[in-house]
């Protein structure tokens, strides 16, 4: 089954918001349509579906892995090369603290970078439909669907909302 995309172009934000409401009322599932704009409108200004991100998990798991690796690395190093000085214990926590902190932070930062790339769905090998007028202040409402019978429904919603132009892509 092929995926089709449709882009409705609007010059004002109110008709674009009406199109988003119309798509919801027409029975299109949330997440199948989105707003494209070059203007920084507040999140949710058009009533779009805002997916919940899981970015906070990446630095947490990275920090746990880094801390575990640091404890293992410093413990094994001190046990492999035991230097007894003045009757002090072989495993010295104070000597391990700096390395544990640095490895924890390094792993959390690296995991955060990978998390940002993953959550942003980069790289996008299959870019969707786009119009250069969006960067000039126009607003695009994109809908993606698998069922070709819904094309007329989406076009009707865009026309009722006052779309200046409707573009199709497969």
C-alpha atoms as a PDB file:
ATOM      1  CA  UNK A   1       0.000   0.000   0.000  1.00  0.00           C
ATOM      2  CA  UNK A   2       1.422   3.382  -0.961  1.00  0.00           C
ATOM      3  CA  UNK A   3       1.440   6.414   1.278  1.00  0.00           C
ATOM      4  CA  UNK A   4       0.109   9.649  -0.173  1.00  0.00           C
ATOM      5  CA  UNK A   5       0.593  13.200   1.062  1.00  0.00           C
ATOM      6  CA  UNK A   6      -1.445  16.316   0.532  1.00  0.00           C
ATOM      7  CA  UNK A   7      -0.485  19.896   1.380  1.00  0.00           C
ATOM      8  CA  UNK A   8      -3.000  22.678   1.892  1.00  0.00           C
ATOM      9  CA  UNK A   9      -1.496  26.187   1.783  1.00  0.00           C
ATOM     10  CA  UNK A  10      -2.953  29.035   3.824  1.00  0.00           C
ATOM     11  CA  UNK A  11      -1.937  32.686   4.135  1.00  0.00           C
ATOM     12  CA  UNK A  12      -3.464  33.232   7.589  1.00  0.00           C
ATOM     13  CA  UNK A  13      -3.305  31.121  10.768  1.00  0.00           C
ATOM     14  CA  UNK A  14      -7.087  31.037  11.400  1.00  0.00           C
ATOM     15  CA  UNK A  15      -7.990  29.061   8.254  1.00  0.00           C
ATOM     16  CA  UNK A  16      -5.093  26.676   8.928  1.00  0.00           C
ATOM     17  CA  UNK A  17      -6.447  26.060  12.435  1.00  0.00           C
ATOM     18  CA  UNK A  18      -9.899  25.523  10.925  1.00  0.00           C
ATOM     19  CA  UNK A  19      -8.404  22.956   8.544  1.00  0.00           C
ATOM     20  CA  UNK A  20      -6.773  21.134  11.470  1.00  0.00           C
ATOM     21  CA  UNK A  21     -10.120  21.068  13.309  1.00  0.00           C
ATOM     22  CA  UNK A  22     -11.870  19.923  10.148  1.00  0.00           C
ATOM     23  CA  UNK A  23      -9.432  17.050   9.666  1.00  0.00           C
ATOM     24  CA  UNK A  24     -10.072  15.914  13.248  1.00  0.00           C
ATOM     25  CA  UNK A  25     -13.833  16.118  12.740  1.00  0.00           C
ATOM     26  CA  UNK A  26     -13.582  14.243   9.416  1.00  0.00           C
ATOM     27  CA  UNK A  27     -12.149  11.263  11.263  1.00  0.00           C
ATOM     28  CA  UNK A  28      -8.491  11.438  10.284  1.00  0.00           C
ATOM     29  CA  UNK A  29      -6.379   9.978  13.062  1.00  0.00           C
ATOM     30  CA  UNK A  30      -4.145  12.195  15.179  1.00  0.00           C
ATOM     31  CA  UNK A  31      -0.544  12.163  14.028  1.00  0.00           C
ATOM     32  CA  UNK A  32      -1.457  11.739  10.353  1.00  0.00           C
ATOM     33  CA  UNK A  33      -1.572  15.514   9.781  1.00  0.00           C
ATOM     34  CA  UNK A  34       0.723  18.316  10.825  1.00  0.00           C
ATOM     35  CA  UNK A  35       1.417  22.038  10.372  1.00  0.00           C
ATOM     36  CA  UNK A  36       4.395  23.432   8.473  1.00  0.00           C
ATOM     37  CA  UNK A  37       5.287  27.040   9.122  1.00  0.00           C
ATOM     38  CA  UNK A  38       8.338  29.254   9.024  1.00  0.00           C
ATOM     39  CA  UNK A  39       6.909  31.521  11.718  1.00  0.00           C
ATOM     40  CA  UNK A  40       7.439  30.526  15.366  1.00  0.00           C
ATOM     41  CA  UNK A  41       3.869  29.982  16.543  1.00  0.00           C
ATOM     42  CA  UNK A  42       3.450  28.544  20.057  1.00  0.00           C
ATOM     43  CA  UNK A  43       3.280  24.774  20.273  1.00  0.00           C
ATOM     44  CA  UNK A  44      -0.295  23.620  19.864  1.00  0.00           C
ATOM     45  CA  UNK A  45      -1.500  26.950  18.429  1.00  0.00           C
ATOM     46  CA  UNK A  46      -3.202  25.158  15.544  1.00  0.00           C
ATOM     47  CA  UNK A  47      -4.575  22.340  17.666  1.00  0.00           C
ATOM     48  CA  UNK A  48      -2.054  19.892  16.277  1.00  0.00           C
ATOM     49  CA  UNK A  49      -1.160  16.622  17.936  1.00  0.00           C
ATOM     50  CA  UNK A  50       1.959  17.042  20.067  1.00  0.00           C
ATOM     51  CA  UNK A  51       3.670  13.669  20.496  1.00  0.00           C
ATOM     52  CA  UNK A  52       5.278  12.914  23.830  1.00  0.00           C
ATOM     53  CA  UNK A  53       9.033  12.646  23.605  1.00  0.00           C
ATOM     54  CA  UNK A  54      11.275  10.198  25.426  1.00  0.00           C
ATOM     55  CA  UNK A  55      14.421  12.307  25.326  1.00  0.00           C
ATOM     56  CA  UNK A  56      14.879  12.307  29.110  1.00  0.00           C
ATOM     57  CA  UNK A  57      15.592   8.566  29.050  1.00  0.00           C
ATOM     58  CA  UNK A  58      18.720   8.872  26.915  1.00  0.00           C
ATOM     59  CA  UNK A  59      20.868  10.952  29.315  1.00  0.00           C
ATOM     60  CA  UNK A  60      19.620   8.939  32.295  1.00  0.00           C
ATOM     61  CA  UNK A  61      20.656   5.622  30.737  1.00  0.00           C
ATOM     62  CA  UNK A  62      23.895   7.191  29.471  1.00  0.00           C
ATOM     63  CA  UNK A  63      24.731   8.412  32.976  1.00  0.00           C
ATOM     64  CA  UNK A  64      24.018   4.988  34.496  1.00  0.00           C
ATOM     65  CA  UNK A  65      26.202   3.280  31.905  1.00  0.00           C
ATOM     66  CA  UNK A  66      28.989   5.853  32.338  1.00  0.00           C
ATOM     67  CA  UNK A  67      28.934   5.590  36.126  1.00  0.00           C
ATOM     68  CA  UNK A  68      29.010   1.802  36.000  1.00  0.00           C
ATOM     69  CA  UNK A  69      31.846   1.825  33.494  1.00  0.00           C
ATOM     70  CA  UNK A  70      33.814   4.334  35.597  1.00  0.00           C
ATOM     71  CA  UNK A  71      33.434   2.294  38.786  1.00  0.00           C
ATOM     72  CA  UNK A  72      34.505  -0.836  36.920  1.00  0.00           C
ATOM     73  CA  UNK A  73      37.448   0.879  35.184  1.00  0.00           C
ATOM     74  CA  UNK A  74      38.836   2.544  38.314  1.00  0.00           C
ATOM     75  CA  UNK A  75      38.331  -0.527  40.517  1.00  0.00           C
ATOM     76  CA  UNK A  76      39.955  -2.909  38.053  1.00  0.00           C
ATOM     77  CA  UNK A  77      42.862  -0.521  37.470  1.00  0.00           C
ATOM     78  CA  UNK A  78      43.557  -0.102  41.180  1.00  0.00           C
ATOM     79  CA  UNK A  79      43.285  -3.843  41.786  1.00  0.00           C
ATOM     80  CA  UNK A  80      45.480  -4.696  38.785  1.00  0.00           C
ATOM     81  CA  UNK A  81      48.217  -2.306  39.895  1.00  0.00           C
ATOM     82  CA  UNK A  82      48.063  -2.293  43.719  1.00  0.00           C
ATOM     83  CA  UNK A  83      50.144   0.465  45.214  1.00  0.00           C
ATOM     84  CA  UNK A  84      50.045   0.310  49.003  1.00  0.00           C
ATOM     85  CA  UNK A  85      51.067   3.649  50.484  1.00  0.00           C
ATOM     86  CA  UNK A  86      51.183   4.099  54.216  1.00  0.00           C
ATOM     87  CA  UNK A  87      48.665   1.345  54.968  1.00  0.00           C
ATOM     88  CA  UNK A  88      45.847   3.016  53.009  1.00  0.00           C
ATOM     89  CA  UNK A  89      43.293   0.792  51.266  1.00  0.00           C
ATOM     90  CA  UNK A  90      43.890  -0.282  47.664  1.00  0.00           C
ATOM     91  CA  UNK A  91      40.480   0.966  46.489  1.00  0.00           C
ATOM     92  CA  UNK A  92      40.371   4.654  47.317  1.00  0.00           C
ATOM     93  CA  UNK A  93      36.990   6.284  46.811  1.00  0.00           C
ATOM     94  CA  UNK A  94      38.454   9.782  46.649  1.00  0.00           C
ATOM     95  CA  UNK A  95      40.755   8.816  43.791  1.00  0.00           C
ATOM     96  CA  UNK A  96      37.775   7.331  41.957  1.00  0.00           C
ATOM     97  CA  UNK A  97      35.343  10.254  42.405  1.00  0.00           C
ATOM     98  CA  UNK A  98      36.728  12.533  39.676  1.00  0.00           C
ATOM     99  CA  UNK A  99      36.829   9.780  37.077  1.00  0.00           C
ATOM    100  CA  UNK A 100      33.348   8.597  38.062  1.00  0.00           C
ATOM    101  CA  UNK A 101      31.976  12.124  37.713  1.00  0.00           C
ATOM    102  CA  UNK A 102      33.652  12.767  34.355  1.00  0.00           C
ATOM    103  CA  UNK A 103      32.618   9.421  32.854  1.00  0.00           C
ATOM    104  CA  UNK A 104      29.043   9.892  34.076  1.00  0.00           C
ATOM    105  CA  UNK A 105      28.793  13.356  32.511  1.00  0.00           C
ATOM    106  CA  UNK A 106      30.531  12.326  29.273  1.00  0.00           C
ATOM    107  CA  UNK A 107      28.234   9.353  28.772  1.00  0.00           C
ATOM    108  CA  UNK A 108      25.138  11.418  29.566  1.00  0.00           C
ATOM    109  CA  UNK A 109      26.115  14.094  27.036  1.00  0.00           C
ATOM    110  CA  UNK A 110      26.922  11.565  24.303  1.00  0.00           C
ATOM    111  CA  UNK A 111      23.656   9.731  24.955  1.00  0.00           C
ATOM    112  CA  UNK A 112      21.795  13.073  24.830  1.00  0.00           C
ATOM    113  CA  UNK A 113      23.222  13.825  21.382  1.00  0.00           C
ATOM    114  CA  UNK A 114      22.161  10.397  20.118  1.00  0.00           C
ATOM    115  CA  UNK A 115      18.772  10.895  21.760  1.00  0.00           C
ATOM    116  CA  UNK A 116      18.240  14.233  20.017  1.00  0.00           C
ATOM    117  CA  UNK A 117      19.108  12.670  16.669  1.00  0.00           C
ATOM    118  CA  UNK A 118      16.805   9.714  17.343  1.00  0.00           C
ATOM    119  CA  UNK A 119      13.874  11.761  18.649  1.00  0.00           C
ATOM    120  CA  UNK A 120      14.176  14.219  15.746  1.00  0.00           C
ATOM    121  CA  UNK A 121      13.926  11.278  13.342  1.00  0.00           C
ATOM    122  CA  UNK A 122      17.108  12.335  11.574  1.00  0.00           C
ATOM    123  CA  UNK A 123      18.174  11.772   8.888  1.00  0.00           C
ATOM    124  CA  UNK A 124      14.938  11.903   6.950  1.00  0.00           C
ATOM    125  CA  UNK A 125      15.620   9.859   3.844  1.00  0.00           C
ATOM    126  CA  UNK A 126      12.091  10.374   2.513  1.00  0.00           C
ATOM    127  CA  UNK A 127      11.161  14.044   2.815  1.00  0.00           C
ATOM    128  CA  UNK A 128       7.506  14.860   2.463  1.00  0.00           C
ATOM    129  CA  UNK A 129       5.697  17.410   0.341  1.00  0.00           C
ATOM    130  CA  UNK A 130       6.778  21.025   0.741  1.00  0.00           C
ATOM    131  CA  UNK A 131       6.268  24.446  -0.810  1.00  0.00           C
ATOM    132  CA  UNK A 132       8.880  27.252  -0.668  1.00  0.00           C
ATOM    133  CA  UNK A 133       6.187  29.830   0.194  1.00  0.00           C
ATOM    134  CA  UNK A 134       6.064  28.305   3.687  1.00  0.00           C
ATOM    135  CA  UNK A 135       9.386  30.004   4.450  1.00  0.00           C
ATOM    136  CA  UNK A 136       7.820  33.315   3.379  1.00  0.00           C
ATOM    137  CA  UNK A 137       5.150  33.170   6.095  1.00  0.00           C
ATOM    138  CA  UNK A 138       2.507  30.926   4.550  1.00  0.00           C
ATOM    139  CA  UNK A 139       1.159  28.031   6.576  1.00  0.00           C
ATOM    140  CA  UNK A 140       0.980  24.498   5.253  1.00  0.00           C
ATOM    141  CA  UNK A 141      -1.195  21.722   6.592  1.00  0.00           C
ATOM    142  CA  UNK A 142       0.134  18.311   5.549  1.00  0.00           C
ATOM    143  CA  UNK A 143      -1.870  15.125   5.761  1.00  0.00           C
ATOM    144  CA  UNK A 144      -0.532  11.663   5.040  1.00  0.00           C
ATOM    145  CA  UNK A 145      -2.836   8.733   4.446  1.00  0.00           C
ATOM    146  CA  UNK A 146      -2.767   5.207   3.050  1.00  0.00           C
ATOM    147  CA  UNK A 147      -6.339   4.991   1.844  1.00  0.00           C
ATOM    148  CA  UNK A 148      -6.912   6.694  -1.543  1.00  0.00           C
ATOM    149  CA  UNK A 149     -10.634   6.957  -0.832  1.00  0.00           C
ATOM    150  CA  UNK A 150      -9.892   9.644   1.791  1.00  0.00           C
ATOM    151  CA  UNK A 151      -8.316  12.046  -0.743  1.00  0.00           C
ATOM    152  CA  UNK A 152     -11.654  13.675  -1.563  1.00  0.00           C
ATOM    153  CA  UNK A 153     -12.456  14.064   2.149  1.00  0.00           C
ATOM    154  CA  UNK A 154      -9.168  15.854   2.814  1.00  0.00           C
ATOM    155  CA  UNK A 155      -9.585  18.088  -0.242  1.00  0.00           C
ATOM    156  CA  UNK A 156     -13.078  18.998   0.927  1.00  0.00           C
ATOM    157  CA  UNK A 157     -11.788  19.948   4.374  1.00  0.00           C
ATOM    158  CA  UNK A 158      -9.032  22.119   2.865  1.00  0.00           C
ATOM    159  CA  UNK A 159     -11.467  23.824   0.474  1.00  0.00           C
ATOM    160  CA  UNK A 160     -14.003  24.527   3.245  1.00  0.00           C
ATOM    161  CA  UNK A 161     -11.239  25.980   5.417  1.00  0.00           C
ATOM    162  CA  UNK A 162     -10.164  28.315   2.604  1.00  0.00           C
ATOM    163  CA  UNK A 163      -6.937  26.813   1.294  1.00  0.00           C
ATOM    164  CA  UNK A 164      -5.266  29.000  -1.318  1.00  0.00           C
ATOM    165  CA  UNK A 165      -3.731  25.970  -3.020  1.00  0.00           C
ATOM    166  CA  UNK A 166      -3.756  22.197  -2.554  1.00  0.00           C
ATOM    167  CA  UNK A 167      -0.769  20.122  -3.649  1.00  0.00           C
ATOM    168  CA  UNK A 168      -0.609  16.356  -4.007  1.00  0.00           C
ATOM    169  CA  UNK A 169       2.397  14.045  -3.735  1.00  0.00           C
ATOM    170  CA  UNK A 170       2.694  10.285  -3.649  1.00  0.00           C
END
